[in-house]
PDB file of N, CA and C in Angstrom:
ATOM      1  N   MET A   1      -6.404   0.052  16.673  1.00  0.00           N
ATOM      2  CA  MET A   1      -5.753   0.685  15.459  1.00  0.00           C
ATOM      3  C   MET A   1      -7.171   2.009  14.750  1.00  0.00           C
ATOM      4  N   PRO A   2      -8.063   2.035  16.085  1.00  0.00           N
ATOM      5  CA  PRO A   2      -9.287   2.642  15.861  1.00  0.00           C
ATOM      6  C   PRO A   2      -8.364   3.832  15.199  1.00  0.00           C
ATOM      7  N   ILE A   3      -7.458   4.613  15.360  1.00  0.00           N
ATOM      8  CA  ILE A   3      -7.746   5.683  14.993  1.00  0.00           C
ATOM      9  C   ILE A   3      -7.323   6.243  13.477  1.00  0.00           C
ATOM     10  N   LEU A   4      -6.940   4.760  12.452  1.00  0.00           N
ATOM     11  CA  LEU A   4      -7.409   4.524  11.511  1.00  0.00           C
ATOM     12  C   LEU A   4      -8.287   5.482  10.542  1.00  0.00           C
ATOM     13  N   HIS A   5      -9.192   5.246  10.875  1.00  0.00           N
ATOM     14  CA  HIS A   5     -11.183   5.919   9.562  1.00  0.00           C
ATOM     15  C   HIS A   5     -10.451   7.318   9.719  1.00  0.00           C
ATOM     16  N   ASN A   6      -9.541   8.418  10.367  1.00  0.00           N
ATOM     17  CA  ASN A   6      -9.153   9.635  10.598  1.00  0.00           C
ATOM     18  C   ASN A   6      -8.066   9.666   9.015  1.00  0.00           C
ATOM     19  N   VAL A   7      -7.551   8.700   8.784  1.00  0.00           N
ATOM     20  CA  VAL A   7      -6.271   9.167   8.300  1.00  0.00           C
ATOM     21  C   VAL A   7      -7.642   9.546   6.244  1.00  0.00           C
ATOM     22  N   LYS A   8      -6.851  10.508   5.129  1.00  0.00           N
ATOM     23  CA  LYS A   8      -8.190  11.379   4.416  1.00  0.00           C
ATOM     24  C   LYS A   8      -7.028  11.054   3.454  1.00  0.00           C
ATOM     25  N   VAL A   9      -5.797  10.560   3.728  1.00  0.00           N
ATOM     26  CA  VAL A   9      -4.992  10.634   2.445  1.00  0.00           C
ATOM     27  C   VAL A   9      -4.476   9.490   1.903  1.00  0.00           C
ATOM     28  N   PRO A  10      -4.829   9.394   0.281  1.00  0.00           N
ATOM     29  CA  PRO A  10      -4.298   7.788   0.074  1.00  0.00           C
ATOM     30  C   PRO A  10      -3.560   7.244   0.200  1.00  0.00           C
ATOM     31  N   THR A  11      -3.765   5.984  -0.064  1.00  0.00           N
ATOM     32  CA  THR A  11      -2.513   4.839   1.097  1.00  0.00           C
ATOM     33  C   THR A  11      -2.009   3.989   0.924  1.00  0.00           C
ATOM     34  N   LEU A  12      -0.474   3.432   0.808  1.00  0.00           N
ATOM     35  CA  LEU A  12      -1.186   2.217  -0.230  1.00  0.00           C
ATOM     36  C   LEU A  12      -0.100   1.646   0.934  1.00  0.00           C
ATOM     37  N   LEU A  13      -0.513  -0.090   1.237  1.00  0.00           N
ATOM     38  CA  LEU A  13      -0.387  -0.786   1.719  1.00  0.00           C
ATOM     39  C   LEU A  13       0.659  -2.053   0.995  1.00  0.00           C
ATOM     40  N   LEU A  14       2.108  -1.941   1.070  1.00  0.00           N
ATOM     41  CA  LEU A  14       2.919  -2.825   0.293  1.00  0.00           C
ATOM     42  C   LEU A  14       3.577  -3.945   1.750  1.00  0.00           C
ATOM     43  N   VAL A  15       2.614  -5.187   1.417  1.00  0.00           N
ATOM     44  CA  VAL A  15       2.863  -6.523   2.215  1.00  0.00           C
ATOM     45  C   VAL A  15       3.925  -7.904   2.019  1.00  0.00           C
ATOM     46  N   GLY A  16       5.356  -8.108   2.628  1.00  0.00           N
ATOM     47  CA  GLY A  16       5.204  -9.410   1.780  1.00  0.00           C
ATOM     48  C   GLY A  16       4.318 -10.711   2.491  1.00  0.00           C
ATOM     49  N   GLY A  17       4.196 -11.359   1.312  1.00  0.00           N
ATOM     50  CA  GLY A  17       2.921 -12.433   1.649  1.00  0.00           C
ATOM     51  C   GLY A  17       3.923 -13.043   2.133  1.00  0.00           C
ATOM     52  N   ASP A  18       4.275 -13.806   2.185  1.00  0.00           N
ATOM     53  CA  ASP A  18       5.254 -15.120   3.185  1.00  0.00           C
ATOM     54  C   ASP A  18       5.739 -14.641   4.929  1.00  0.00           C
ATOM     55  N   ASP A  19       5.145 -13.275   4.663  1.00  0.00           N
ATOM     56  CA  ASP A  19       4.727 -12.963   5.808  1.00  0.00           C
ATOM     57  C   ASP A  19       3.242 -13.144   6.879  1.00  0.00           C
ATOM     58  N   ALA A  20       2.916 -13.804   7.075  1.00  0.00           N
ATOM     59  CA  ALA A  20       1.452 -14.763   7.541  1.00  0.00           C
ATOM     60  C   ALA A  20       0.859 -13.151   8.728  1.00  0.00           C
ATOM     61  N   VAL A  21       1.283 -12.929   9.977  1.00  0.00           N
ATOM     62  CA  VAL A  21       1.221 -11.865  11.387  1.00  0.00           C
ATOM     63  C   VAL A  21       1.229 -10.883  10.186  1.00  0.00           C
ATOM     64  N   VAL A  22       1.988 -10.442   9.217  1.00  0.00           N
ATOM     65  CA  VAL A  22       1.925  -9.254   9.222  1.00  0.00           C
ATOM     66  C   VAL A  22       0.526  -8.389   8.431  1.00  0.00           C
ATOM     67  N   VAL A  23       0.849  -9.368   7.297  1.00  0.00           N
ATOM     68  CA  VAL A  23      -0.193  -9.659   6.001  1.00  0.00           C
ATOM     69  C   VAL A  23      -1.326  -9.398   6.830  1.00  0.00           C
ATOM     70  N   GLU A  24      -1.644  -9.495   7.715  1.00  0.00           N
ATOM     71  CA  GLU A  24      -2.716 -10.346   8.879  1.00  0.00           C
ATOM     72  C   GLU A  24      -3.686  -8.437   9.115  1.00  0.00           C
ATOM     73  N   LEU A  25      -2.095  -8.184  10.380  1.00  0.00           N
ATOM     74  CA  LEU A  25      -2.133  -6.709  10.833  1.00  0.00           C
ATOM     75  C   LEU A  25      -2.556  -5.708   9.705  1.00  0.00           C
ATOM     76  N   ASN A  26      -1.449  -5.714   7.969  1.00  0.00           N
ATOM     77  CA  ASN A  26      -2.103  -4.581   7.149  1.00  0.00           C
ATOM     78  C   ASN A  26      -3.821  -5.067   6.926  1.00  0.00           C
ATOM     79  N   ARG A  27      -4.675  -6.087   6.430  1.00  0.00           N
ATOM     80  CA  ARG A  27      -5.525  -6.658   6.335  1.00  0.00           C
ATOM     81  C   ARG A  27      -6.296  -5.569   7.277  1.00  0.00           C
ATOM     82  N   LYS A  28      -5.921  -6.188   8.837  1.00  0.00           N
ATOM     83  CA  LYS A  28      -6.945  -4.983   9.561  1.00  0.00           C
ATOM     84  C   LYS A  28      -6.926  -3.401   9.753  1.00  0.00           C
ATOM     85  N   ALA A  29      -5.861  -2.983   9.131  1.00  0.00           N
ATOM     86  CA  ALA A  29      -5.708  -2.346   9.199  1.00  0.00           C
ATOM     87  C   ALA A  29      -6.081  -1.146   7.888  1.00  0.00           C
ATOM     88  N   TYR A  30      -5.750  -1.614   6.791  1.00  0.00           N
ATOM     89  CA  TYR A  30      -6.925  -1.440   5.432  1.00  0.00           C
ATOM     90  C   TYR A  30      -8.254  -1.761   5.837  1.00  0.00           C
ATOM     91  N   ILE A  31      -8.446  -2.282   6.728  1.00  0.00           N
ATOM     92  CA  ILE A  31     -10.529  -2.346   6.098  1.00  0.00           C
ATOM     93  C   ILE A  31     -10.790  -0.866   7.226  1.00  0.00           C
ATOM     94  N   GLN A  32      -9.800  -0.844   8.196  1.00  0.00           N
ATOM     95  CA  GLN A  32      -9.776   0.970   9.206  1.00  0.00           C
ATOM     96  C   GLN A  32     -10.137   2.291   8.331  1.00  0.00           C
ATOM     97  N   LEU A  33      -8.719   2.137   7.637  1.00  0.00           N
ATOM     98  CA  LEU A  33      -8.988   3.296   6.492  1.00  0.00           C
ATOM     99  C   LEU A  33      -9.596   3.967   6.256  1.00  0.00           C
ATOM    100  N   GLY A  34      -9.646   5.348   6.352  1.00  0.00           N
ATOM    101  CA  GLY A  34     -11.508   5.987   5.986  1.00  0.00           C
ATOM    102  C   GLY A  34     -10.946   7.199   4.378  1.00  0.00           C
ATOM    103  N   SER A  35      -9.486   6.369   3.882  1.00  0.00           N
ATOM    104  CA  SER A  35      -9.367   7.247   2.702  1.00  0.00           C
ATOM    105  C   SER A  35      -9.469   6.016   1.748  1.00  0.00           C
ATOM    106  N   ARG A  36      -8.923   7.360   0.421  1.00  0.00           N
ATOM    107  CA  ARG A  36      -8.260   6.359  -0.528  1.00  0.00           C
ATOM    108  C   ARG A  36      -7.252   5.327  -0.707  1.00  0.00           C
ATOM    109  N   LYS A  37      -7.764   4.010  -0.885  1.00  0.00           N
ATOM    110  CA  LYS A  37      -6.514   2.902  -0.650  1.00  0.00           C
ATOM    111  C   LYS A  37      -6.558   1.229  -1.206  1.00  0.00           C
ATOM    112  N   GLU A  38      -5.139   1.069  -1.848  1.00  0.00           N
ATOM    113  CA  GLU A  38      -4.850  -0.041  -1.917  1.00  0.00           C
ATOM    114  C   GLU A  38      -3.539  -0.862  -0.727  1.00  0.00           C
ATOM    115  N   MET A  39      -4.103  -1.768  -1.248  1.00  0.00           N
ATOM    116  CA  MET A  39      -3.400  -2.986  -0.397  1.00  0.00           C
ATOM    117  C   MET A  39      -2.683  -3.996  -1.276  1.00  0.00           C
ATOM    118  N   LYS A  40      -1.308  -4.324  -1.544  1.00  0.00           N
ATOM    119  CA  LYS A  40      -1.164  -5.411  -2.811  1.00  0.00           C
ATOM    120  C   LYS A  40       0.308  -6.261  -2.037  1.00  0.00           C
ATOM    121  N   ILE A  41      -0.295  -7.159  -2.171  1.00  0.00           N
ATOM    122  CA  ILE A  41       0.612  -8.539  -1.114  1.00  0.00           C
ATOM    123  C   ILE A  41       1.520  -9.151  -2.488  1.00  0.00           C
ATOM    124  N   ILE A  42       2.857  -8.511  -1.872  1.00  0.00           N
ATOM    125  CA  ILE A  42       4.335  -9.323  -2.460  1.00  0.00           C
ATOM    126  C   ILE A  42       4.565 -10.925  -2.366  1.00  0.00           C
ATOM    127  N   LYS A  43       3.956 -11.083  -3.393  1.00  0.00           N
ATOM    128  CA  LYS A  43       4.380 -12.882  -3.498  1.00  0.00           C
ATOM    129  C   LYS A  43       5.931 -13.633  -3.102  1.00  0.00           C
ATOM    130  N   GLY A  44       6.352 -14.201  -2.428  1.00  0.00           N
ATOM    131  CA  GLY A  44       7.219 -14.812  -2.195  1.00  0.00           C
ATOM    132  C   GLY A  44       8.331 -13.415  -1.432  1.00  0.00           C
ATOM    133  N   ALA A  45       7.835 -12.651  -0.351  1.00  0.00           N
ATOM    134  CA  ALA A  45       8.749 -12.048  -0.154  1.00  0.00           C
ATOM    135  C   ALA A  45       8.117 -11.372   1.535  1.00  0.00           C
ATOM    136  N   THR A  46       9.074 -11.337   1.932  1.00  0.00           N
ATOM    137  CA  THR A  46       9.018 -11.197   3.955  1.00  0.00           C
ATOM    138  C   THR A  46       9.230  -9.866   3.895  1.00  0.00           C
ATOM    139  N   HIS A  47       8.779  -9.737   5.395  1.00  0.00           N
ATOM    140  CA  HIS A  47       8.881  -8.469   5.191  1.00  0.00           C
ATOM    141  C   HIS A  47       8.899  -7.277   5.511  1.00  0.00           C
ATOM    142  N   LEU A  48      10.655  -7.223   5.082  1.00  0.00           N
ATOM    143  CA  LEU A  48      11.966  -7.114   5.268  1.00  0.00           C
ATOM    144  C   LEU A  48      12.201  -7.001   3.171  1.00  0.00           C
ATOM    145  N   PHE A  49      11.396  -7.523   2.584  1.00  0.00           N
ATOM    146  CA  PHE A  49      11.661  -7.436   0.647  1.00  0.00           C
ATOM    147  C   PHE A  49      13.163  -7.628   0.364  1.00  0.00           C
ATOM    148  N   SER A  50      13.925  -9.028   1.692  1.00  0.00           N
ATOM    149  CA  SER A  50      15.262  -8.737   1.602  1.00  0.00           C
ATOM    150  C   SER A  50      15.854 -10.068   0.212  1.00  0.00           C
ATOM    151  N   GLU A  51      14.704 -10.340  -0.567  1.00  0.00           N
ATOM    152  CA  GLU A  51      14.677 -12.086  -1.796  1.00  0.00           C
ATOM    153  C   GLU A  51      14.378 -10.449  -2.759  1.00  0.00           C
ATOM    154  N   PRO A  52      15.969 -11.550  -3.658  1.00  0.00           N
ATOM    155  CA  PRO A  52      16.056 -10.685  -5.745  1.00  0.00           C
ATOM    156  C   PRO A  52      14.845 -11.164  -6.055  1.00  0.00           C
ATOM    157  N   GLY A  53      15.118  -9.610  -5.843  1.00  0.00           N
ATOM    158  CA  GLY A  53      13.773  -8.310  -7.203  1.00  0.00           C
ATOM    159  C   GLY A  53      13.295  -7.866  -6.373  1.00  0.00           C
ATOM    160  N   LYS A  54      12.804  -8.161  -5.153  1.00  0.00           N
ATOM    161  CA  LYS A  54      11.421  -7.899  -4.491  1.00  0.00           C
ATOM    162  C   LYS A  54      11.895  -6.392  -3.703  1.00  0.00           C
ATOM    163  N   LEU A  55      12.927  -5.379  -3.947  1.00  0.00           N
ATOM    164  CA  LEU A  55      12.754  -4.143  -3.783  1.00  0.00           C
ATOM    165  C   LEU A  55      12.673  -3.841  -5.082  1.00  0.00           C
ATOM    166  N   GLU A  56      13.175  -3.965  -6.382  1.00  0.00           N
ATOM    167  CA  GLU A  56      13.043  -3.733  -7.293  1.00  0.00           C
ATOM    168  C   GLU A  56      11.872  -3.443  -8.061  1.00  0.00           C
ATOM    169  N   GLU A  57      10.380  -4.918  -6.933  1.00  0.00           N
ATOM    170  CA  GLU A  57       9.574  -4.943  -7.692  1.00  0.00           C
ATOM    171  C   GLU A  57       8.268  -3.368  -6.795  1.00  0.00           C
ATOM    172  N   ILE A  58      10.007  -3.591  -5.407  1.00  0.00           N
ATOM    173  CA  ILE A  58       8.837  -2.471  -4.344  1.00  0.00           C
ATOM    174  C   ILE A  58       8.748  -1.284  -5.283  1.00  0.00           C
ATOM    175  N   ALA A  59       9.636  -1.181  -5.696  1.00  0.00           N
ATOM    176  CA  ALA A  59      10.014   0.705  -6.027  1.00  0.00           C
ATOM    177  C   ALA A  59       8.901   0.476  -7.357  1.00  0.00           C
ATOM    178  N   ARG A  60       9.056  -0.211  -8.335  1.00  0.00           N
ATOM    179  CA  ARG A  60       8.140  -0.638  -9.218  1.00  0.00           C
ATOM    180  C   ARG A  60       6.504  -0.112  -9.500  1.00  0.00           C
ATOM    181  N   LEU A  61       5.881  -0.570  -8.122  1.00  0.00           N
ATOM    182  CA  LEU A  61       4.192  -0.623  -7.586  1.00  0.00           C
ATOM    183  C   LEU A  61       4.333   0.716  -6.817  1.00  0.00           C
ATOM    184  N   SER A  62       5.384   1.687  -6.238  1.00  0.00           N
ATOM    185  CA  SER A  62       5.290   2.460  -5.676  1.00  0.00           C
ATOM    186  C   SER A  62       5.733   3.484  -6.183  1.00  0.00           C
ATOM    187  N   THR A  63       5.976   3.366  -7.501  1.00  0.00           N
ATOM    188  CA  THR A  63       6.282   4.496  -8.384  1.00  0.00           C
ATOM    189  C   THR A  63       5.139   4.393  -8.872  1.00  0.00           C
ATOM    190  N   ASP A  64       4.701   3.417 -10.146  1.00  0.00           N
ATOM    191  CA  ASP A  64       3.743   3.355 -10.622  1.00  0.00           C
ATOM    192  C   ASP A  64       1.792   4.097  -9.737  1.00  0.00           C
ATOM    193  N   TRP A  65       2.126   3.361  -8.285  1.00  0.00           N
ATOM    194  CA  TRP A  65       1.032   3.918  -7.451  1.00  0.00           C
ATOM    195  C   TRP A  65       1.020   5.350  -7.422  1.00  0.00           C
ATOM    196  N   PHE A  66       2.157   5.966  -6.529  1.00  0.00           N
ATOM    197  CA  PHE A  66       2.188   7.114  -6.514  1.00  0.00           C
ATOM    198  C   PHE A  66       1.504   8.342  -8.192  1.00  0.00           C
ATOM    199  N   ASN A  67       1.954   7.546  -9.161  1.00  0.00           N
ATOM    200  CA  ASN A  67       2.207   8.264 -10.309  1.00  0.00           C
ATOM    201  C   ASN A  67       0.520   8.451 -10.634  1.00  0.00           C
ATOM    202  N   GLY A  68       0.160   7.746 -10.405  1.00  0.00           N
ATOM    203  CA  GLY A  68      -1.382   7.348 -10.465  1.00  0.00           C
ATOM    204  C   GLY A  68      -2.297   7.926  -9.530  1.00  0.00           C
ATOM    205  N   SER A  69      -1.398   7.790  -8.256  1.00  0.00           N
ATOM    206  CA  SER A  69      -1.820   9.291  -7.303  1.00  0.00           C
ATOM    207  C   SER A  69      -2.349  10.763  -7.284  1.00  0.00           C
ATOM    208  N   LEU A  70      -1.441  10.687  -8.052  1.00  0.00           N
ATOM    209  CA  LEU A  70      -0.657  12.362  -8.245  1.00  0.00           C
ATOM    210  C   LEU A  70      -1.439  12.395  -9.184  1.00  0.00           C
ATOM    211  N   ASN A  71      -1.815  11.972 -10.080  1.00  0.00           N
ATOM    212  CA  ASN A  71      -2.542  12.729 -12.335  1.00  0.00           C
ATOM    213  C   ASN A  71      -3.695  12.795 -11.367  1.00  0.00           C
ATOM    214  N   LYS A  72      -5.018  11.144 -10.327  1.00  0.00           N
ATOM    215  CA  LYS A  72      -5.657  11.302 -10.074  1.00  0.00           C
ATOM    216  C   LYS A  72      -6.236  12.750  -8.896  1.00  0.00           C
ATOM    217  N   ASN A  73      -5.401  13.096  -7.802  1.00  0.00           N
ATOM    218  CA  ASN A  73      -5.623  14.389  -7.390  1.00  0.00           C
ATOM    219  C   ASN A  73      -5.830  15.563  -8.566  1.00  0.00           C
ATOM    220  N   LYS A  74      -4.523  15.386  -9.382  1.00  0.00           N
ATOM    221  CA  LYS A  74      -4.247  16.848 -10.177  1.00  0.00           C
ATOM    222  C   LYS A  74      -5.636  17.171 -10.670  1.00  0.00           C
ATOM    223  N   ASN A  75      -5.967  16.168 -11.424  1.00  0.00           N
ATOM    224  CA  ASN A  75      -7.588  15.789 -12.421  1.00  0.00           C
ATOM    225  C   ASN A  75      -8.810  16.417 -11.540  1.00  0.00           C
ATOM    226  N   GLU A  76      -8.722  15.881  -9.975  1.00  0.00           N
ATOM    227  CA  GLU A  76      -9.630  16.622  -8.995  1.00  0.00           C
ATOM    228  C   GLU A  76      -9.697  17.781  -8.651  1.00  0.00           C
ATOM    229  N   THR A  77      -8.865  18.156  -8.463  1.00  0.00           N
ATOM    230  CA  THR A  77      -8.560  19.617  -8.439  1.00  0.00           C
ATOM    231  C   THR A  77      -8.731  20.780  -9.114  1.00  0.00           C
ATOM    232  N   GLN A  78      -8.620  20.134 -10.415  1.00  0.00           N
ATOM    233  CA  GLN A  78      -8.331  20.808 -11.799  1.00  0.00           C
ATOM    234  C   GLN A  78     -10.156  20.905 -12.129  1.00  0.00           C
ATOM    235  N   ARG A  79     -11.073  20.507 -10.971  1.00  0.00           N
ATOM    236  CA  ARG A  79     -12.785  20.241 -11.922  1.00  0.00           C
ATOM    237  C   ARG A  79     -13.378  21.765 -11.208  1.00  0.00           C
TER     238      ARG A  79
END
């Protein structure tokens, strides 16, 4: 994944905590990302988030992150 350092946009990684292989791949990607980044590991979820309530949790986390990211970018551009 040598190209990930070129990513310049804020990035959110959401990872099912019960899928060790995917967690490790995302950890490696996270380290190499060249942007503002955040990784959230969802306890009790696999990579498809098919467990009860997990998609709703992903939706909430995504919404919160995007709202915060957009507000932060808006504030930075108004300076």
